Every structure is written in structure tokens, then in C-alpha cells.
N, C-alpha and C. Protein backbone atom coordinates (compact mmCIF):
# COMPACT_ATOMS: atom_id res chain seq x y z
N MET A 1 17.95 8.31 -2.86
CA MET A 1 17.10 7.52 -3.64
C MET A 1 17.06 8.03 -4.97
N LYS A 2 17.20 7.20 -6.01
CA LYS A 2 17.32 7.62 -7.52
C LYS A 2 15.98 7.33 -8.10
N ILE A 3 15.59 8.35 -9.16
CA ILE A 3 14.40 8.33 -9.80
C ILE A 3 14.19 6.90 -10.47
N GLY A 4 15.32 6.21 -11.00
CA GLY A 4 15.20 5.12 -11.62
C GLY A 4 14.65 3.90 -10.74
N ASP A 5 14.80 4.14 -9.53
CA ASP A 5 14.25 3.17 -8.51
C ASP A 5 12.80 2.95 -8.48
N PHE A 6 12.06 3.96 -8.90
CA PHE A 6 10.63 4.17 -8.73
C PHE A 6 10.24 3.64 -10.32
N ARG A 7 10.08 2.32 -10.49
CA ARG A 7 9.68 1.82 -11.88
C ARG A 7 8.63 0.97 -11.80
N HIS A 8 7.84 0.72 -10.61
CA HIS A 8 6.70 -0.13 -10.62
C HIS A 8 5.39 0.83 -10.49
N ARG A 9 4.41 0.63 -11.01
CA ARG A 9 3.08 1.38 -10.96
C ARG A 9 2.24 0.76 -9.97
N ILE A 10 1.62 1.41 -8.85
CA ILE A 10 0.86 0.87 -7.98
C ILE A 10 -0.58 1.76 -7.83
N LYS A 11 -1.60 1.28 -7.36
CA LYS A 11 -2.85 1.82 -7.13
C LYS A 11 -3.05 1.83 -5.67
N PHE A 12 -3.41 2.97 -5.13
CA PHE A 12 -4.24 2.93 -3.82
C PHE A 12 -5.75 3.07 -3.87
N ILE A 13 -6.19 2.08 -3.23
CA ILE A 13 -7.78 1.92 -3.40
C ILE A 13 -8.36 2.20 -2.22
N LYS A 14 -9.52 2.94 -2.08
CA LYS A 14 -10.05 3.22 -0.76
C LYS A 14 -11.65 2.91 -0.92
N GLU A 15 -12.23 2.60 0.21
CA GLU A 15 -13.63 2.16 0.17
C GLU A 15 -14.41 3.13 1.11
N GLU A 16 -15.53 3.58 0.59
CA GLU A 16 -16.56 4.50 1.46
C GLU A 16 -17.81 3.83 1.36
N ILE A 17 -18.60 4.40 2.14
CA ILE A 17 -19.95 3.82 2.26
C ILE A 17 -20.86 4.80 1.45
N GLY A 18 -21.60 4.44 0.44
CA GLY A 18 -22.38 5.22 -0.37
C GLY A 18 -23.91 4.46 -0.33
N GLU A 19 -24.66 5.13 -1.31
CA GLU A 19 -26.11 4.32 -1.30
C GLU A 19 -26.49 4.10 -2.59
N ASN A 20 -27.27 3.02 -2.74
CA ASN A 20 -27.62 2.51 -4.15
C ASN A 20 -28.84 3.30 -4.55
N ASP A 21 -29.67 3.01 -5.59
CA ASP A 21 -30.83 3.72 -6.03
C ASP A 21 -31.99 3.56 -5.07
N LEU A 22 -32.00 2.68 -4.06
CA LEU A 22 -32.90 2.48 -3.31
C LEU A 22 -32.61 3.13 -1.86
N GLY A 23 -31.55 3.78 -1.74
CA GLY A 23 -31.10 4.25 -0.55
C GLY A 23 -30.47 3.45 0.55
N ASP A 24 -30.15 2.27 0.03
CA ASP A 24 -29.58 1.27 1.05
C ASP A 24 -27.91 1.56 1.01
N PRO A 25 -27.42 1.36 2.11
CA PRO A 25 -25.94 1.57 2.28
C PRO A 25 -25.12 0.45 1.40
N ILE A 26 -24.26 1.05 0.57
CA ILE A 26 -23.28 0.04 -0.02
C ILE A 26 -21.83 0.47 -0.11
N LYS A 27 -20.99 -0.56 -0.31
CA LYS A 27 -19.49 -0.08 -0.23
C LYS A 27 -19.00 0.19 -1.62
N ILE A 28 -18.51 1.46 -1.66
CA ILE A 28 -17.95 2.10 -3.06
C ILE A 28 -16.50 1.97 -3.09
N ARG A 29 -15.87 1.38 -3.96
CA ARG A 29 -14.39 1.40 -4.12
C ARG A 29 -14.18 2.33 -5.23
N SER A 30 -12.83 3.10 -4.88
CA SER A 30 -12.36 4.09 -5.80
C SER A 30 -11.03 4.04 -5.63
N GLU A 31 -10.34 4.52 -6.89
CA GLU A 31 -9.02 4.61 -6.98
C GLU A 31 -8.59 6.02 -6.17
N TYR A 32 -7.72 5.96 -5.27
CA TYR A 32 -7.25 7.27 -4.58
C TYR A 32 -6.23 7.75 -5.26
N ALA A 33 -5.15 7.05 -5.71
CA ALA A 33 -3.87 7.51 -6.26
C ALA A 33 -3.31 6.42 -7.08
N ASN A 34 -2.53 6.76 -8.22
CA ASN A 34 -1.85 5.82 -9.12
C ASN A 34 -0.37 6.42 -9.04
N VAL A 35 0.57 5.83 -8.40
CA VAL A 35 1.90 6.26 -8.36
C VAL A 35 3.07 5.48 -8.60
N TRP A 36 4.25 5.90 -8.89
CA TRP A 36 5.36 5.07 -9.09
C TRP A 36 5.99 4.74 -7.80
N ALA A 37 6.62 3.47 -7.78
CA ALA A 37 7.02 2.87 -6.40
C ALA A 37 8.17 2.16 -6.74
N LYS A 38 9.10 2.10 -5.70
CA LYS A 38 10.11 1.00 -5.46
C LYS A 38 9.51 0.15 -4.67
N VAL A 39 9.60 -1.23 -5.20
CA VAL A 39 8.98 -2.47 -4.53
C VAL A 39 10.02 -3.36 -4.14
N THR A 40 10.17 -3.95 -2.83
CA THR A 40 11.04 -4.79 -2.56
C THR A 40 10.40 -5.76 -1.49
N ASN A 41 11.10 -6.99 -1.55
CA ASN A 41 10.51 -7.93 -0.54
C ASN A 41 11.41 -7.74 0.81
N LEU A 42 10.68 -8.23 1.81
CA LEU A 42 11.54 -8.11 3.11
C LEU A 42 12.60 -9.13 2.99
N HIS A 43 13.73 -8.88 3.88
CA HIS A 43 14.91 -9.73 3.71
C HIS A 43 15.62 -9.77 4.91
N GLY A 44 16.39 -10.64 5.38
CA GLY A 44 17.25 -10.66 6.44
C GLY A 44 16.28 -10.67 7.67
N ARG A 45 16.81 -9.83 8.72
CA ARG A 45 16.03 -9.84 9.96
C ARG A 45 14.43 -9.39 9.90
N GLU A 46 14.23 -8.51 8.86
CA GLU A 46 12.87 -8.16 8.71
C GLU A 46 12.08 -9.22 8.10
N TYR A 47 12.68 -10.22 7.37
CA TYR A 47 11.87 -11.36 7.01
C TYR A 47 11.56 -12.30 8.02
N ILE A 48 12.69 -12.51 8.79
CA ILE A 48 12.65 -13.43 9.95
C ILE A 48 11.64 -13.09 10.98
N ALA A 49 11.44 -11.69 11.23
CA ALA A 49 10.51 -11.06 11.98
C ALA A 49 9.03 -11.24 11.56
N ALA A 50 8.84 -11.11 10.23
CA ALA A 50 7.63 -11.22 9.59
C ALA A 50 7.15 -12.56 9.42
N ALA A 51 7.84 -13.55 9.34
CA ALA A 51 7.80 -14.86 9.22
C ALA A 51 7.22 -15.39 10.57
N ALA A 52 7.67 -14.93 11.64
CA ALA A 52 7.39 -15.41 13.14
C ALA A 52 6.02 -14.92 13.37
N VAL A 53 5.56 -14.00 12.72
CA VAL A 53 3.97 -13.63 12.95
C VAL A 53 3.14 -13.84 11.64
N HIS A 54 3.79 -14.64 10.89
CA HIS A 54 2.83 -15.13 9.65
C HIS A 54 2.61 -13.87 8.73
N LEU A 55 3.56 -13.15 8.55
CA LEU A 55 3.55 -11.98 7.56
C LEU A 55 4.75 -11.99 6.47
N GLU A 56 4.90 -13.30 6.12
CA GLU A 56 6.08 -13.51 5.19
C GLU A 56 5.78 -12.99 3.81
N ARG A 57 4.48 -12.71 3.52
CA ARG A 57 4.26 -12.45 2.19
C ARG A 57 3.89 -10.87 2.10
N THR A 58 4.80 -10.01 2.95
CA THR A 58 4.72 -8.71 2.89
C THR A 58 5.89 -7.94 2.05
N LEU A 59 5.37 -7.07 1.36
CA LEU A 59 6.34 -6.11 0.50
C LEU A 59 6.44 -4.87 1.04
N LEU A 60 7.55 -4.20 0.71
CA LEU A 60 7.90 -2.87 1.12
C LEU A 60 7.72 -1.90 -0.16
N PHE A 61 6.89 -1.07 -0.02
CA PHE A 61 6.69 -0.04 -1.20
C PHE A 61 7.09 1.31 -0.78
N THR A 62 7.99 1.95 -1.41
CA THR A 62 8.57 3.18 -1.24
C THR A 62 8.14 4.01 -2.37
N ILE A 63 7.59 5.04 -1.94
CA ILE A 63 6.76 6.23 -2.94
C ILE A 63 7.32 7.58 -2.46
N ARG A 64 7.11 8.53 -3.51
CA ARG A 64 7.19 9.93 -3.17
C ARG A 64 5.96 10.17 -2.12
N TYR A 65 6.27 11.32 -1.33
CA TYR A 65 5.36 11.51 -0.19
C TYR A 65 3.95 12.00 -1.00
N LYS A 66 2.91 11.38 -0.37
CA LYS A 66 1.61 11.66 -0.88
C LYS A 66 0.61 11.65 0.41
N GLU A 67 0.06 12.91 0.47
CA GLU A 67 -0.66 13.16 1.62
C GLU A 67 -2.06 12.50 1.43
N GLY A 68 -2.56 12.15 2.54
CA GLY A 68 -4.00 11.52 2.55
C GLY A 68 -3.94 10.06 2.60
N LEU A 69 -2.98 9.31 2.37
CA LEU A 69 -2.84 7.78 2.41
C LEU A 69 -3.23 7.34 3.99
N GLY A 70 -3.99 6.30 3.77
CA GLY A 70 -4.21 5.75 5.23
C GLY A 70 -4.07 4.16 5.21
N GLU A 71 -4.13 3.69 6.39
CA GLU A 71 -4.06 2.27 6.71
C GLU A 71 -5.26 1.37 6.51
N THR A 72 -6.35 2.25 6.21
CA THR A 72 -7.56 1.60 5.59
C THR A 72 -7.74 1.25 4.28
N MET A 73 -6.84 1.73 3.50
CA MET A 73 -6.68 1.71 2.08
C MET A 73 -5.89 0.41 1.78
N TRP A 74 -5.87 -0.06 0.53
CA TRP A 74 -5.04 -1.18 0.05
C TRP A 74 -4.51 -0.83 -1.19
N ILE A 75 -3.31 -1.77 -1.61
CA ILE A 75 -2.67 -1.41 -2.93
C ILE A 75 -2.96 -2.45 -3.73
N GLU A 76 -3.15 -2.03 -4.99
CA GLU A 76 -3.07 -3.13 -6.07
C GLU A 76 -1.69 -2.99 -6.94
N PHE A 77 -1.05 -4.17 -7.03
CA PHE A 77 0.22 -4.21 -7.75
C PHE A 77 0.14 -5.59 -8.53
N GLN A 78 0.60 -5.44 -9.72
CA GLN A 78 0.64 -6.60 -10.67
C GLN A 78 -0.37 -7.58 -10.45
N GLY A 79 -1.49 -7.12 -10.48
CA GLY A 79 -2.89 -8.01 -10.64
C GLY A 79 -3.27 -8.47 -9.30
N ALA A 80 -2.32 -8.09 -8.03
CA ALA A 80 -2.48 -8.73 -6.69
C ALA A 80 -2.94 -7.42 -5.64
N THR A 81 -3.60 -7.90 -4.62
CA THR A 81 -4.04 -6.75 -3.66
C THR A 81 -3.33 -6.96 -2.47
N TYR A 82 -2.87 -5.90 -1.77
CA TYR A 82 -2.13 -5.84 -0.47
C TYR A 82 -2.75 -5.02 0.48
N ASP A 83 -2.87 -5.48 1.66
CA ASP A 83 -3.35 -4.61 2.65
C ASP A 83 -2.39 -3.79 3.42
N ILE A 84 -2.43 -2.73 3.61
CA ILE A 84 -1.55 -1.73 4.26
C ILE A 84 -1.47 -2.05 5.66
N HIS A 85 -0.36 -2.20 6.28
CA HIS A 85 -0.28 -2.40 7.61
C HIS A 85 0.54 -1.32 8.36
N PHE A 86 1.44 -0.72 7.61
CA PHE A 86 2.16 0.38 8.27
C PHE A 86 2.59 1.58 7.05
N ILE A 87 2.55 2.66 7.50
CA ILE A 87 2.98 3.90 6.74
C ILE A 87 3.96 4.61 7.46
N ASP A 88 5.09 4.67 6.90
CA ASP A 88 6.20 5.51 7.48
C ASP A 88 6.56 6.83 6.55
N ASN A 89 6.30 7.97 7.21
CA ASN A 89 6.67 9.26 6.47
C ASN A 89 8.24 9.30 6.66
N ILE A 90 9.23 8.89 6.09
CA ILE A 90 10.29 8.68 6.40
C ILE A 90 11.08 10.08 7.01
N LYS A 91 11.60 9.87 8.20
CA LYS A 91 12.13 11.02 9.01
C LYS A 91 11.32 12.34 8.98
N TYR A 92 10.00 12.10 8.79
CA TYR A 92 8.94 13.18 8.82
C TYR A 92 9.42 14.26 7.84
N GLY A 93 10.15 13.79 6.71
CA GLY A 93 10.66 14.93 5.87
C GLY A 93 9.66 15.25 4.63
N ASP A 94 8.46 14.59 4.68
CA ASP A 94 7.44 14.83 3.63
C ASP A 94 8.19 14.69 2.20
N ARG A 95 9.15 13.62 1.99
CA ARG A 95 9.81 13.57 0.83
C ARG A 95 9.44 12.15 0.07
N TYR A 96 9.52 11.15 1.14
CA TYR A 96 9.44 9.76 0.74
C TYR A 96 8.47 9.00 1.78
N MET A 97 7.87 8.01 1.46
CA MET A 97 7.19 7.20 2.42
C MET A 97 7.30 5.72 2.15
N GLU A 98 7.62 4.95 2.99
CA GLU A 98 7.67 3.49 3.08
C GLU A 98 6.40 2.89 3.73
N ILE A 99 5.81 1.86 2.88
CA ILE A 99 4.41 1.39 3.23
C ILE A 99 4.83 -0.22 3.22
N ARG A 100 4.62 -0.68 4.45
CA ARG A 100 4.52 -2.25 4.39
C ARG A 100 3.23 -2.71 4.30
N ALA A 101 3.01 -3.58 3.29
CA ALA A 101 1.71 -4.27 2.89
C ALA A 101 1.86 -5.78 2.89
N MET A 102 0.84 -6.47 3.18
CA MET A 102 0.59 -7.85 3.28
C MET A 102 -0.21 -8.36 2.06
N PHE A 103 0.18 -9.28 1.49
CA PHE A 103 -0.59 -10.01 0.36
C PHE A 103 -1.96 -10.48 0.84
N ARG A 104 -2.94 -9.99 0.06
CA ARG A 104 -4.32 -10.29 0.25
C ARG A 104 -4.81 -11.39 -0.59
N GLY A 105 -4.63 -11.27 -1.88
CA GLY A 105 -5.07 -12.23 -2.85
C GLY A 105 -5.12 -11.58 -4.12
N ARG A 106 -5.56 -12.29 -5.25
CA ARG A 106 -5.58 -11.97 -6.48
C ARG A 106 -7.01 -11.71 -6.88
């Protein structure tokens, strides 16, 4: 993989439960990480398989390894939000990660 492939900025957002001024539980969203990524659409067999289960608006994000990412987070990319469906630490090498994420909305 070449450094020039990582040309898109993406944000990982996490949600935690906190408290408001009255002590009531509220959801607090915060940015977990802001990284450079290679972003590609699914194509070929991957696209056909995704379309069969209505996941055709899925993107593949490739990033340098980042510890602590989870499938309960989501990605913000070009003004849109994507739910993370799968995170792959490629060959368990702790160098790169591929993340499949489905379009949630704007």
C-alpha cells in the first residue's frame, strides 16, 4: 500500500452514556479518532453479495492500524455517516485495517 492511497479524511465517532445537569442519563457523542483513509466502493463479487442482503451502499475504508476501534462506533466521511459492520486487522499484522461500513444518512 502506498502513502498516496490514504487521501481521504474520516472521523470515528463513539457514543457514551453520561449525565445532564439534573443527573439524568444522556447520550454523549465524541470524536474518537480523525485519520487518513483509502476509500473504495465494493465491486464485483463483493458488490453482488452485498446487494443480495441490501448492503449495496457499503464502502470499504482502509486505514493504518488504530487500537481501540469498535463496531459500535460509526464513521463520518464527506458529510455522511456510515455504520461500521466489520473491522479486519489485516493478517493480524497491526499495520492496516479494513473497515466495511454501510451508509446511514446525512
